[in-house]
Amino acid sequence: MSGTNTRADVAVGLRAGILLTLAAAVAWVSGAPAVFPSLGPSAFVLSTDPPGPSDRTVVGGHAVGVAAGVVAYLAVTAVVAVPSSPLVFDPPWLLVSGVVAVALTTTGMRLSNVVHPPACATTLIVALGLLEPRAALLVVLPAVVSLLAVDRVLTYSFGSF
């Protein structure tokens, strides 16, 4: 890529990583699953598009994603037994849960005007049973808020980089 600013690119990458530090510390100290795959895309968006999406959009999008994932997962697992592994798709009940959760999340984010694409990853994590519903309800939003808190501290201390 000609014309890129390597120093700025490295700084943005460093910022994205730093945004995860508080959630990572909580995960390390508590053992809670406070670091999960959809935090990465949220950190990316916050770091690469200053000032980034609003807090309402980020938290709201993930809240819709968690709610939709929990509803879809509980609906499916109320009818069929939970598979021995979250990635066992025969029979395809968890796939149905994932499809329904993404549809609900997309609709919910659009209706509430909190469109944050990484939340569709959150909903799949929950709907496929990769993060069980109780853990999702307890850790996802605090972890997302921790990204925003670190982002604000970095912005206040160093500005956008």
C-alpha atoms as a PDB file:
ATOM      1  CA  MET A   1       0.000   0.000   0.000  1.00  0.00           C
ATOM      2  CA  SER A   2       1.734   3.124  -1.127  1.00  0.00           C
ATOM      3  CA  GLY A   3       1.045   6.303   0.748  1.00  0.00           C
ATOM      4  CA  THR A   4       0.358   4.658   4.090  1.00  0.00           C
ATOM      5  CA  ASN A   5       1.696   6.138   7.256  1.00  0.00           C
ATOM      6  CA  THR A   6       3.411   3.198   8.960  1.00  0.00           C
ATOM      7  CA  ARG A   7       3.851   5.039  12.245  1.00  0.00           C
ATOM      8  CA  ALA A   8       0.140   5.929  12.391  1.00  0.00           C
ATOM      9  CA  ASP A   9      -0.846   2.380  11.414  1.00  0.00           C
ATOM     10  CA  VAL A  10       1.271   0.928  14.214  1.00  0.00           C
ATOM     11  CA  ALA A  11      -0.154   3.452  16.704  1.00  0.00           C
ATOM     12  CA  VAL A  12      -3.723   2.564  15.722  1.00  0.00           C
ATOM     13  CA  GLY A  13      -2.913  -1.142  16.060  1.00  0.00           C
ATOM     14  CA  LEU A  14      -1.341  -0.545  19.457  1.00  0.00           C
ATOM     15  CA  ARG A  15      -4.403   1.414  20.555  1.00  0.00           C
ATOM     16  CA  ALA A  16      -6.701  -1.435  19.470  1.00  0.00           C
ATOM     17  CA  GLY A  17      -4.681  -3.841  21.592  1.00  0.00           C
ATOM     18  CA  ILE A  18      -4.575  -1.500  24.576  1.00  0.00           C
ATOM     19  CA  LEU A  19      -8.373  -1.183  24.481  1.00  0.00           C
ATOM     20  CA  LEU A  20      -8.584  -4.850  25.502  1.00  0.00           C
ATOM     21  CA  THR A  21      -6.281  -4.532  28.521  1.00  0.00           C
ATOM     22  CA  LEU A  22      -8.927  -3.869  31.179  1.00  0.00           C
ATOM     23  CA  ALA A  23     -11.148  -6.735  30.006  1.00  0.00           C
ATOM     24  CA  ALA A  24      -8.068  -8.969  29.781  1.00  0.00           C
ATOM     25  CA  ALA A  25      -7.037  -8.048  33.324  1.00  0.00           C
ATOM     26  CA  VAL A  26     -10.530  -8.858  34.602  1.00  0.00           C
ATOM     27  CA  ALA A  27     -10.455 -12.192  32.768  1.00  0.00           C
ATOM     28  CA  TRP A  28      -7.030 -13.034  34.167  1.00  0.00           C
ATOM     29  CA  VAL A  29      -7.810 -12.069  37.760  1.00  0.00           C
ATOM     30  CA  SER A  30     -11.365 -13.435  37.929  1.00  0.00           C
ATOM     31  CA  GLY A  31     -11.368 -16.277  35.433  1.00  0.00           C
ATOM     32  CA  ALA A  32     -14.518 -14.776  33.899  1.00  0.00           C
ATOM     33  CA  PRO A  33     -14.748 -14.984  30.097  1.00  0.00           C
ATOM     34  CA  ALA A  34     -14.355 -11.208  29.793  1.00  0.00           C
ATOM     35  CA  VAL A  35     -12.394 -11.446  26.544  1.00  0.00           C
ATOM     36  CA  PHE A  36     -14.360 -12.911  23.656  1.00  0.00           C
ATOM     37  CA  PRO A  37     -14.011 -12.687  19.876  1.00  0.00           C
ATOM     38  CA  SER A  38     -16.359  -9.785  19.190  1.00  0.00           C
ATOM     39  CA  LEU A  39     -14.343  -7.437  21.411  1.00  0.00           C
ATOM     40  CA  GLY A  40     -11.625  -7.467  18.746  1.00  0.00           C
ATOM     41  CA  PRO A  41     -13.795  -5.990  15.980  1.00  0.00           C
ATOM     42  CA  SER A  42     -15.188  -3.434  18.444  1.00  0.00           C
ATOM     43  CA  ALA A  43     -11.648  -2.395  19.408  1.00  0.00           C
ATOM     44  CA  PHE A  44     -10.764  -2.186  15.714  1.00  0.00           C
ATOM     45  CA  VAL A  45     -13.714   0.095  14.951  1.00  0.00           C
ATOM     46  CA  LEU A  46     -13.003   2.332  17.946  1.00  0.00           C
ATOM     47  CA  SER A  47      -9.326   2.614  17.007  1.00  0.00           C
ATOM     48  CA  THR A  48      -9.525   3.082  13.266  1.00  0.00           C
ATOM     49  CA  ASP A  49     -12.426   5.486  12.906  1.00  0.00           C
ATOM     50  CA  PRO A  50     -12.016   8.368  15.385  1.00  0.00           C
ATOM     51  CA  PRO A  51     -14.118   9.378  17.133  1.00  0.00           C
ATOM     52  CA  GLY A  52     -15.677   5.976  16.385  1.00  0.00           C
ATOM     53  CA  PRO A  53     -19.242   4.963  17.001  1.00  0.00           C
ATOM     54  CA  SER A  54     -21.085   6.466  19.953  1.00  0.00           C
ATOM     55  CA  ASP A  55     -21.094   4.718  23.311  1.00  0.00           C
ATOM     56  CA  ARG A  56     -24.840   4.181  22.852  1.00  0.00           C
ATOM     57  CA  THR A  57     -24.243   2.427  19.546  1.00  0.00           C
ATOM     58  CA  VAL A  58     -21.483   0.161  20.849  1.00  0.00           C
ATOM     59  CA  VAL A  59     -23.176  -0.815  24.112  1.00  0.00           C
ATOM     60  CA  GLY A  60     -26.643  -0.902  22.570  1.00  0.00           C
ATOM     61  CA  GLY A  61     -25.548  -3.056  19.669  1.00  0.00           C
ATOM     62  CA  HIS A  62     -23.894  -5.593  21.957  1.00  0.00           C
ATOM     63  CA  ALA A  63     -26.906  -5.528  24.315  1.00  0.00           C
ATOM     64  CA  VAL A  64     -29.208  -6.362  21.414  1.00  0.00           C
ATOM     65  CA  GLY A  65     -26.773  -9.079  20.327  1.00  0.00           C
ATOM     66  CA  VAL A  66     -26.650 -10.671  23.768  1.00  0.00           C
ATOM     67  CA  ALA A  67     -30.436 -10.532  24.167  1.00  0.00           C
ATOM     68  CA  ALA A  68     -31.068 -12.034  20.730  1.00  0.00           C
ATOM     69  CA  GLY A  69     -28.429 -14.720  21.256  1.00  0.00           C
ATOM     70  CA  VAL A  70     -29.827 -15.696  24.648  1.00  0.00           C
ATOM     71  CA  VAL A  71     -33.418 -15.797  23.333  1.00  0.00           C
ATOM     72  CA  ALA A  72     -32.467 -17.913  20.318  1.00  0.00           C
ATOM     73  CA  TYR A  73     -30.251 -20.278  22.326  1.00  0.00           C
ATOM     74  CA  LEU A  74     -32.781 -20.780  25.116  1.00  0.00           C
ATOM     75  CA  ALA A  75     -35.622 -21.295  22.629  1.00  0.00           C
ATOM     76  CA  VAL A  76     -33.706 -23.991  20.780  1.00  0.00           C
ATOM     77  CA  THR A  77     -32.281 -25.703  23.863  1.00  0.00           C
ATOM     78  CA  ALA A  78     -35.726 -25.750  25.500  1.00  0.00           C
ATOM     79  CA  VAL A  79     -36.805 -28.096  22.720  1.00  0.00           C
ATOM     80  CA  VAL A  80     -33.652 -30.156  22.146  1.00  0.00           C
ATOM     81  CA  ALA A  81     -30.758 -31.260  24.317  1.00  0.00           C
ATOM     82  CA  VAL A  82     -27.684 -29.068  24.417  1.00  0.00           C
ATOM     83  CA  PRO A  83     -24.961 -30.698  22.310  1.00  0.00           C
ATOM     84  CA  SER A  84     -21.858 -32.051  24.010  1.00  0.00           C
ATOM     85  CA  SER A  85     -19.809 -29.410  22.179  1.00  0.00           C
ATOM     86  CA  PRO A  86     -20.938 -25.977  21.014  1.00  0.00           C
ATOM     87  CA  LEU A  87     -19.684 -26.684  17.505  1.00  0.00           C
ATOM     88  CA  VAL A  88     -21.558 -29.956  16.969  1.00  0.00           C
ATOM     89  CA  PHE A  89     -24.087 -29.202  14.235  1.00  0.00           C
ATOM     90  CA  ASP A  90     -25.761 -32.566  13.774  1.00  0.00           C
ATOM     91  CA  PRO A  91     -28.645 -32.193  14.308  1.00  0.00           C
ATOM     92  CA  PRO A  92     -28.482 -28.563  13.152  1.00  0.00           C
ATOM     93  CA  TRP A  93     -30.349 -26.983  16.069  1.00  0.00           C
ATOM     94  CA  LEU A  94     -27.608 -24.593  17.072  1.00  0.00           C
ATOM     95  CA  LEU A  95     -27.313 -23.508  13.448  1.00  0.00           C
ATOM     96  CA  VAL A  96     -30.986 -22.572  13.613  1.00  0.00           C
ATOM     97  CA  SER A  97     -30.246 -20.694  16.822  1.00  0.00           C
ATOM     98  CA  GLY A  98     -27.410 -18.790  15.115  1.00  0.00           C
ATOM     99  CA  VAL A  99     -29.484 -17.890  12.063  1.00  0.00           C
ATOM    100  CA  VAL A 100     -32.388 -16.686  14.205  1.00  0.00           C
ATOM    101  CA  ALA A 101     -30.075 -14.718  16.506  1.00  0.00           C
ATOM    102  CA  VAL A 102     -28.410 -12.856  13.633  1.00  0.00           C
ATOM    103  CA  ALA A 103     -31.803 -12.027  12.134  1.00  0.00           C
ATOM    104  CA  LEU A 104     -33.083 -10.784  15.493  1.00  0.00           C
ATOM    105  CA  THR A 105     -29.898  -8.825  16.188  1.00  0.00           C
ATOM    106  CA  THR A 106     -29.896  -7.126  12.807  1.00  0.00           C
ATOM    107  CA  THR A 107     -33.563  -6.216  13.117  1.00  0.00           C
ATOM    108  CA  GLY A 108     -33.192  -5.088  16.733  1.00  0.00           C
ATOM    109  CA  MET A 109     -30.153  -2.914  16.040  1.00  0.00           C
ATOM    110  CA  ARG A 110     -31.855  -1.257  13.078  1.00  0.00           C
ATOM    111  CA  LEU A 111     -35.112  -0.646  14.965  1.00  0.00           C
ATOM    112  CA  SER A 112     -33.277   0.850  17.946  1.00  0.00           C
ATOM    113  CA  ASN A 113     -30.738   2.759  15.824  1.00  0.00           C
ATOM    114  CA  VAL A 114     -27.710   1.115  17.439  1.00  0.00           C
ATOM    115  CA  VAL A 115     -26.126  -0.580  14.423  1.00  0.00           C
ATOM    116  CA  HIS A 116     -22.741  -1.960  15.474  1.00  0.00           C
ATOM    117  CA  PRO A 117     -21.696  -4.864  13.194  1.00  0.00           C
ATOM    118  CA  PRO A 118     -19.414  -6.560  15.773  1.00  0.00           C
ATOM    119  CA  ALA A 119     -22.581  -7.250  17.792  1.00  0.00           C
ATOM    120  CA  CYS A 120     -23.532  -9.860  15.197  1.00  0.00           C
ATOM    121  CA  ALA A 121     -20.426 -11.767  16.276  1.00  0.00           C
ATOM    122  CA  THR A 122     -21.547 -11.423  19.898  1.00  0.00           C
ATOM    123  CA  THR A 123     -24.941 -12.861  19.074  1.00  0.00           C
ATOM    124  CA  LEU A 124     -23.382 -15.861  17.314  1.00  0.00           C
ATOM    125  CA  ILE A 125     -21.042 -16.482  20.237  1.00  0.00           C
ATOM    126  CA  VAL A 126     -24.072 -16.724  22.514  1.00  0.00           C
ATOM    127  CA  ALA A 127     -26.508 -18.427  20.114  1.00  0.00           C
ATOM    128  CA  LEU A 128     -24.017 -21.188  19.311  1.00  0.00           C
ATOM    129  CA  GLY A 129     -23.332 -21.817  22.980  1.00  0.00           C
ATOM    130  CA  LEU A 130     -19.713 -20.677  22.844  1.00  0.00           C
ATOM    131  CA  LEU A 131     -20.507 -18.367  25.757  1.00  0.00           C
ATOM    132  CA  GLU A 132     -23.311 -19.705  27.901  1.00  0.00           C
ATOM    133  CA  PRO A 133     -26.264 -17.373  28.523  1.00  0.00           C
ATOM    134  CA  ARG A 134     -25.507 -16.572  32.174  1.00  0.00           C
ATOM    135  CA  ALA A 135     -21.897 -15.679  31.397  1.00  0.00           C
ATOM    136  CA  ALA A 136     -23.022 -13.606  28.411  1.00  0.00           C
ATOM    137  CA  LEU A 137     -25.442 -11.652  30.575  1.00  0.00           C
ATOM    138  CA  LEU A 138     -22.788 -11.059  33.243  1.00  0.00           C
ATOM    139  CA  VAL A 139     -19.648 -10.302  31.248  1.00  0.00           C
ATOM    140  CA  VAL A 140     -20.383  -8.994  27.748  1.00  0.00           C
ATOM    141  CA  LEU A 141     -21.657  -5.511  28.543  1.00  0.00           C
ATOM    142  CA  PRO A 142     -19.107  -4.802  31.302  1.00  0.00           C
ATOM    143  CA  ALA A 143     -16.340  -5.906  28.923  1.00  0.00           C
ATOM    144  CA  VAL A 144     -17.710  -3.651  26.180  1.00  0.00           C
ATOM    145  CA  VAL A 145     -17.941  -0.747  28.623  1.00  0.00           C
ATOM    146  CA  SER A 146     -14.325  -1.422  29.616  1.00  0.00           C
ATOM    147  CA  LEU A 147     -13.283  -0.898  25.968  1.00  0.00           C
ATOM    148  CA  LEU A 148     -15.062   2.434  25.961  1.00  0.00           C
ATOM    149  CA  ALA A 149     -13.541   3.438  29.300  1.00  0.00           C
ATOM    150  CA  VAL A 150     -10.001   2.680  28.121  1.00  0.00           C
ATOM    151  CA  ASP A 151     -10.731   4.467  24.839  1.00  0.00           C
ATOM    152  CA  ARG A 152     -11.832   7.589  26.730  1.00  0.00           C
ATOM    153  CA  VAL A 153      -8.751   7.505  28.964  1.00  0.00           C
ATOM    154  CA  LEU A 154      -6.490   7.173  25.916  1.00  0.00           C
ATOM    155  CA  THR A 155      -8.296   9.966  24.086  1.00  0.00           C
ATOM    156  CA  TYR A 156      -8.152  12.243  27.126  1.00  0.00           C
ATOM    157  CA  SER A 157      -4.476  11.462  27.758  1.00  0.00           C
ATOM    158  CA  PHE A 158      -3.091  11.275  24.238  1.00  0.00           C
ATOM    159  CA  GLY A 159      -5.816  12.325  21.806  1.00  0.00           C
ATOM    160  CA  SER A 160      -6.666  10.187  18.810  1.00  0.00           C
ATOM    161  CA  PHE A 161      -3.773   8.210  17.415  1.00  0.00           C
END
